[in-house]
N, C-alpha and C. Protein backbone atom coordinates (compact mmCIF):
# COMPACT_ATOMS: atom_id res chain seq x y z
N MET A 1 -21.61 10.60 3.78
CA MET A 1 -20.41 11.17 3.25
C MET A 1 -19.25 10.45 3.91
N ALA A 2 -19.44 10.02 5.09
CA ALA A 2 -18.23 9.28 5.75
C ALA A 2 -18.07 7.94 4.98
N VAL A 3 -19.17 7.27 4.58
CA VAL A 3 -19.00 5.98 3.97
C VAL A 3 -18.10 6.22 2.69
N ALA A 4 -18.53 7.27 1.88
CA ALA A 4 -17.60 7.57 0.70
C ALA A 4 -16.23 7.71 0.98
N GLY A 5 -16.05 8.46 2.14
CA GLY A 5 -14.44 8.83 2.42
C GLY A 5 -13.80 7.46 2.75
N ILE A 6 -14.54 6.62 3.51
CA ILE A 6 -13.83 5.38 4.00
C ILE A 6 -13.59 4.51 2.78
N LEU A 7 -14.49 4.44 1.83
CA LEU A 7 -14.41 3.77 0.70
C LEU A 7 -13.23 4.18 -0.30
N CYS A 8 -13.24 5.56 -0.37
CA CYS A 8 -12.03 5.99 -1.11
C CYS A 8 -10.77 5.74 -0.57
N GLY A 9 -10.58 5.95 0.88
CA GLY A 9 -9.32 5.48 1.52
C GLY A 9 -9.05 4.08 1.23
N LEU A 10 -10.05 3.18 1.30
CA LEU A 10 -9.72 1.81 1.05
C LEU A 10 -9.28 1.44 -0.37
N TRP A 11 -9.83 2.14 -1.30
CA TRP A 11 -9.33 1.93 -2.79
C TRP A 11 -8.00 2.55 -2.92
N ILE A 12 -7.64 3.74 -2.43
CA ILE A 12 -6.29 4.21 -2.39
C ILE A 12 -5.33 3.29 -1.80
N SER A 13 -5.67 2.64 -0.65
CA SER A 13 -4.78 1.85 0.00
C SER A 13 -4.47 0.52 -0.74
N ILE A 14 -5.55 -0.06 -1.24
CA ILE A 14 -5.46 -1.31 -2.06
C ILE A 14 -4.71 -1.00 -3.37
N ILE A 15 -4.84 0.15 -3.98
CA ILE A 15 -4.00 0.35 -5.25
C ILE A 15 -2.61 0.56 -4.88
N GLY A 16 -2.28 1.22 -3.72
CA GLY A 16 -0.79 1.31 -3.20
C GLY A 16 -0.19 0.05 -2.91
N PHE A 17 -1.06 -0.91 -2.26
CA PHE A 17 -0.59 -2.22 -2.13
C PHE A 17 -0.19 -2.98 -3.28
N ILE A 18 -1.03 -2.83 -4.34
CA ILE A 18 -0.78 -3.56 -5.51
C ILE A 18 0.35 -3.01 -6.33
N VAL A 19 0.58 -1.65 -6.21
CA VAL A 19 1.61 -1.09 -6.85
C VAL A 19 2.86 -1.13 -6.24
N SER A 20 3.05 -1.64 -4.97
CA SER A 20 4.23 -1.47 -4.17
C SER A 20 5.49 -2.15 -4.69
N PRO A 21 5.39 -3.42 -5.39
CA PRO A 21 6.44 -3.94 -5.97
C PRO A 21 7.18 -3.04 -7.10
N ALA A 22 6.27 -2.40 -7.93
CA ALA A 22 6.81 -1.62 -8.91
C ALA A 22 7.51 -0.34 -8.38
N LEU A 23 6.98 0.22 -7.14
CA LEU A 23 7.62 1.33 -6.51
C LEU A 23 8.98 0.86 -5.99
N LEU A 24 9.09 -0.38 -5.49
CA LEU A 24 10.38 -0.65 -5.05
C LEU A 24 11.38 -0.95 -6.12
N VAL A 25 11.02 -1.48 -7.21
CA VAL A 25 11.83 -1.65 -8.33
C VAL A 25 12.14 -0.35 -9.03
N GLY A 26 11.32 0.69 -8.92
CA GLY A 26 11.59 1.85 -9.32
C GLY A 26 12.74 2.68 -8.46
N GLU A 27 12.50 2.36 -7.26
CA GLU A 27 13.35 3.09 -6.33
C GLU A 27 14.91 2.60 -6.44
N TRP A 28 14.89 1.12 -6.63
CA TRP A 28 16.13 0.62 -6.91
C TRP A 28 16.89 1.08 -8.17
N LEU A 29 16.01 1.21 -9.31
CA LEU A 29 16.46 1.58 -10.59
C LEU A 29 17.09 3.15 -10.41
N VAL A 30 16.38 4.02 -9.76
CA VAL A 30 16.77 5.42 -9.71
C VAL A 30 18.04 5.31 -8.87
N VAL A 31 18.18 4.69 -7.79
CA VAL A 31 19.42 4.72 -7.02
C VAL A 31 20.58 4.19 -7.71
N HIS A 32 20.51 3.09 -8.39
CA HIS A 32 21.55 2.59 -9.24
C HIS A 32 22.00 3.24 -10.44
N MET A 33 21.06 3.85 -11.11
CA MET A 33 21.26 4.57 -12.41
C MET A 33 21.88 5.90 -12.09
N MET A 34 21.63 6.46 -10.93
CA MET A 34 22.09 7.82 -10.68
C MET A 34 23.42 7.60 -9.99
N GLY A 35 23.90 6.50 -9.55
CA GLY A 35 25.11 6.16 -8.84
C GLY A 35 25.21 6.75 -7.63
N TRP A 36 23.90 6.87 -6.91
CA TRP A 36 24.01 7.24 -5.59
C TRP A 36 24.23 6.06 -4.61
N VAL A 37 24.75 6.34 -3.44
CA VAL A 37 25.10 5.47 -2.47
C VAL A 37 23.82 4.70 -2.02
N THR A 38 23.66 3.45 -2.05
CA THR A 38 22.53 2.66 -1.61
C THR A 38 22.03 3.04 -0.23
N PRO A 39 20.88 3.63 -0.06
CA PRO A 39 20.50 4.08 1.35
C PRO A 39 20.18 2.94 2.24
N VAL A 40 20.18 3.06 3.43
CA VAL A 40 19.98 1.89 4.40
C VAL A 40 18.65 1.34 4.27
N SER A 41 17.59 2.23 3.70
CA SER A 41 16.12 1.89 3.52
C SER A 41 16.09 0.69 2.62
N LEU A 42 16.97 0.52 1.67
CA LEU A 42 16.84 -0.65 0.58
C LEU A 42 17.44 -1.81 1.05
N ASN A 43 16.73 -2.54 1.93
CA ASN A 43 17.14 -3.89 2.50
C ASN A 43 16.53 -4.92 1.74
N LEU A 44 17.10 -6.08 1.91
CA LEU A 44 16.50 -7.29 1.34
C LEU A 44 15.09 -7.79 1.89
N TYR A 45 14.84 -7.38 3.18
CA TYR A 45 13.57 -7.84 3.69
C TYR A 45 12.37 -7.05 3.03
N GLN A 46 12.73 -5.96 2.22
CA GLN A 46 11.74 -5.25 1.71
C GLN A 46 10.96 -6.06 0.29
N ILE A 47 11.74 -6.95 -0.20
CA ILE A 47 11.22 -7.75 -1.18
C ILE A 47 10.08 -8.51 -0.82
N PRO A 48 10.22 -9.44 0.20
CA PRO A 48 9.07 -10.20 0.57
C PRO A 48 7.95 -9.24 1.21
N LEU A 49 8.25 -8.23 1.81
CA LEU A 49 7.08 -7.46 2.46
C LEU A 49 6.45 -6.78 1.31
N THR A 50 7.03 -6.31 0.19
CA THR A 50 6.21 -5.72 -0.92
C THR A 50 5.45 -6.85 -1.56
N LEU A 51 5.98 -8.07 -1.78
CA LEU A 51 5.29 -9.20 -2.31
C LEU A 51 3.95 -9.45 -1.57
N MET A 52 4.22 -9.46 -0.27
CA MET A 52 3.06 -9.73 0.70
C MET A 52 1.98 -8.60 0.64
N LEU A 53 2.24 -7.36 0.57
CA LEU A 53 1.45 -6.24 0.32
C LEU A 53 0.70 -6.42 -1.13
N CYS A 54 1.42 -6.84 -1.99
CA CYS A 54 0.86 -7.01 -3.34
C CYS A 54 -0.18 -8.12 -3.09
N ALA A 55 0.19 -9.18 -2.56
CA ALA A 55 -0.81 -10.22 -2.49
C ALA A 55 -1.99 -9.90 -1.69
N ILE A 56 -1.86 -9.02 -0.62
CA ILE A 56 -2.97 -8.66 0.18
C ILE A 56 -3.92 -7.74 -0.67
N GLY A 57 -3.29 -6.79 -1.45
CA GLY A 57 -4.04 -6.06 -2.35
C GLY A 57 -4.71 -6.77 -3.41
N LEU A 58 -4.13 -7.61 -4.02
CA LEU A 58 -4.83 -8.56 -4.96
C LEU A 58 -5.91 -9.34 -4.41
N GLY A 59 -5.85 -9.81 -3.19
CA GLY A 59 -6.76 -10.47 -2.61
C GLY A 59 -7.96 -9.71 -2.12
N ALA A 60 -7.75 -8.38 -1.85
CA ALA A 60 -8.75 -7.54 -1.28
C ALA A 60 -9.56 -6.86 -2.37
N PHE A 61 -8.89 -6.84 -3.54
CA PHE A 61 -9.51 -6.05 -4.61
C PHE A 61 -10.88 -6.51 -5.03
N PRO A 62 -11.10 -7.89 -5.17
CA PRO A 62 -12.43 -8.24 -5.56
C PRO A 62 -13.40 -8.18 -4.41
N LEU A 63 -12.91 -8.10 -3.23
CA LEU A 63 -13.81 -7.93 -1.99
C LEU A 63 -14.33 -6.52 -1.97
N LEU A 64 -13.33 -5.61 -2.25
CA LEU A 64 -13.62 -4.27 -2.29
C LEU A 64 -14.43 -3.72 -3.46
N LYS A 65 -14.36 -4.34 -4.52
CA LYS A 65 -15.21 -4.18 -5.68
C LYS A 65 -16.68 -4.52 -5.40
N GLN A 66 -16.81 -5.66 -4.71
CA GLN A 66 -18.07 -6.21 -4.37
C GLN A 66 -18.78 -5.32 -3.45
N LEU A 67 -17.95 -4.75 -2.44
CA LEU A 67 -18.51 -4.03 -1.35
C LEU A 67 -18.93 -2.53 -2.03
N THR A 68 -18.18 -2.19 -3.11
CA THR A 68 -18.59 -0.84 -3.69
C THR A 68 -19.94 -1.08 -4.36
N MET A 69 -19.91 -2.05 -5.17
CA MET A 69 -21.21 -2.26 -5.82
C MET A 69 -22.42 -2.48 -4.94
N TYR A 70 -22.14 -3.26 -3.80
CA TYR A 70 -23.35 -3.24 -2.85
C TYR A 70 -23.59 -2.00 -2.42
N LEU A 71 -22.75 -1.12 -1.93
CA LEU A 71 -23.04 0.17 -1.45
C LEU A 71 -23.79 1.12 -2.43
N VAL A 72 -23.32 1.10 -3.71
CA VAL A 72 -23.88 1.81 -4.82
C VAL A 72 -25.36 1.51 -4.94
N ASN A 73 -25.59 0.13 -4.96
CA ASN A 73 -27.10 -0.43 -5.07
C ASN A 73 -27.81 -0.02 -3.95
N PHE A 74 -27.18 -0.08 -2.70
CA PHE A 74 -28.02 0.28 -1.60
C PHE A 74 -28.40 1.78 -1.55
N PHE A 75 -27.50 2.52 -1.80
CA PHE A 75 -27.72 3.92 -1.75
C PHE A 75 -28.81 4.47 -2.80
N GLU A 76 -28.66 3.81 -4.14
CA GLU A 76 -29.65 4.10 -5.09
C GLU A 76 -31.03 3.74 -4.66
N LYS A 77 -31.18 2.61 -3.99
CA LYS A 77 -32.49 2.15 -3.46
C LYS A 77 -32.98 3.11 -2.30
N TYR A 78 -32.09 3.56 -1.49
CA TYR A 78 -32.32 4.41 -0.37
C TYR A 78 -32.74 5.81 -0.92
N ILE A 79 -32.03 6.30 -1.87
CA ILE A 79 -32.57 7.61 -2.43
C ILE A 79 -33.90 7.56 -3.32
N ARG A 80 -34.11 6.34 -3.85
CA ARG A 80 -35.51 6.09 -4.61
C ARG A 80 -36.55 6.03 -3.45
N TYR A 81 -36.24 5.41 -2.38
CA TYR A 81 -37.31 5.24 -1.28
C TYR A 81 -37.47 6.58 -0.78
N ASN A 82 -36.46 7.42 -0.43
CA ASN A 82 -36.69 8.77 0.04
C ASN A 82 -37.49 9.60 -1.03
N LEU A 83 -37.22 9.50 -2.27
CA LEU A 83 -37.92 10.36 -3.28
C LEU A 83 -39.53 9.84 -3.32
N ARG A 84 -39.67 8.56 -3.25
CA ARG A 84 -41.09 8.16 -3.24
C ARG A 84 -41.76 8.64 -1.94
N SER A 85 -41.23 8.61 -0.72
CA SER A 85 -41.85 9.05 0.47
C SER A 85 -42.07 10.51 0.37
N ILE A 86 -41.39 11.41 -0.27
CA ILE A 86 -41.42 12.78 -0.36
C ILE A 86 -42.66 13.18 -1.34
N TYR A 87 -42.69 12.43 -2.56
CA TYR A 87 -43.41 12.99 -3.51
C TYR A 87 -44.79 12.17 -3.74
N THR A 88 -44.95 11.19 -2.94
CA THR A 88 -46.29 10.57 -2.83
C THR A 88 -47.22 11.32 -2.21
N GLU A 89 -48.59 11.28 -2.62
CA GLU A 89 -49.57 12.03 -1.98
C GLU A 89 -50.09 11.19 -0.92
N LYS A 90 -50.62 11.90 0.16
CA LYS A 90 -51.06 11.22 1.23
C LYS A 90 -52.60 11.16 1.32
C-alpha cells in the first residue's frame, strides 16, 4: 500500500510540474483582467523557474511511466505466485 501511495504522489507531483507554466499564465491573466494590483509574488524570476519545473516534469514523465508499468507487472507476478502457492496441493 505504501508503494501505491508513493507512486500516486509522484504522479501528482509530475503533473503539477508539467502544468506549472499554464498556472502562472492563468494567475497573470486573472490579476490583469480583474484590474488588481500586481502582487509581489508575480516576479520575473518565476518564468524560468516554471519552465525548469516543466522540463523536469516532462523529463521524468517517461521514467515514471516505465516505473509504473514495471511495478504493475511485478505485483501481478507476485499475486500469481501467491495464488499458486496457496492453491497447489502438497
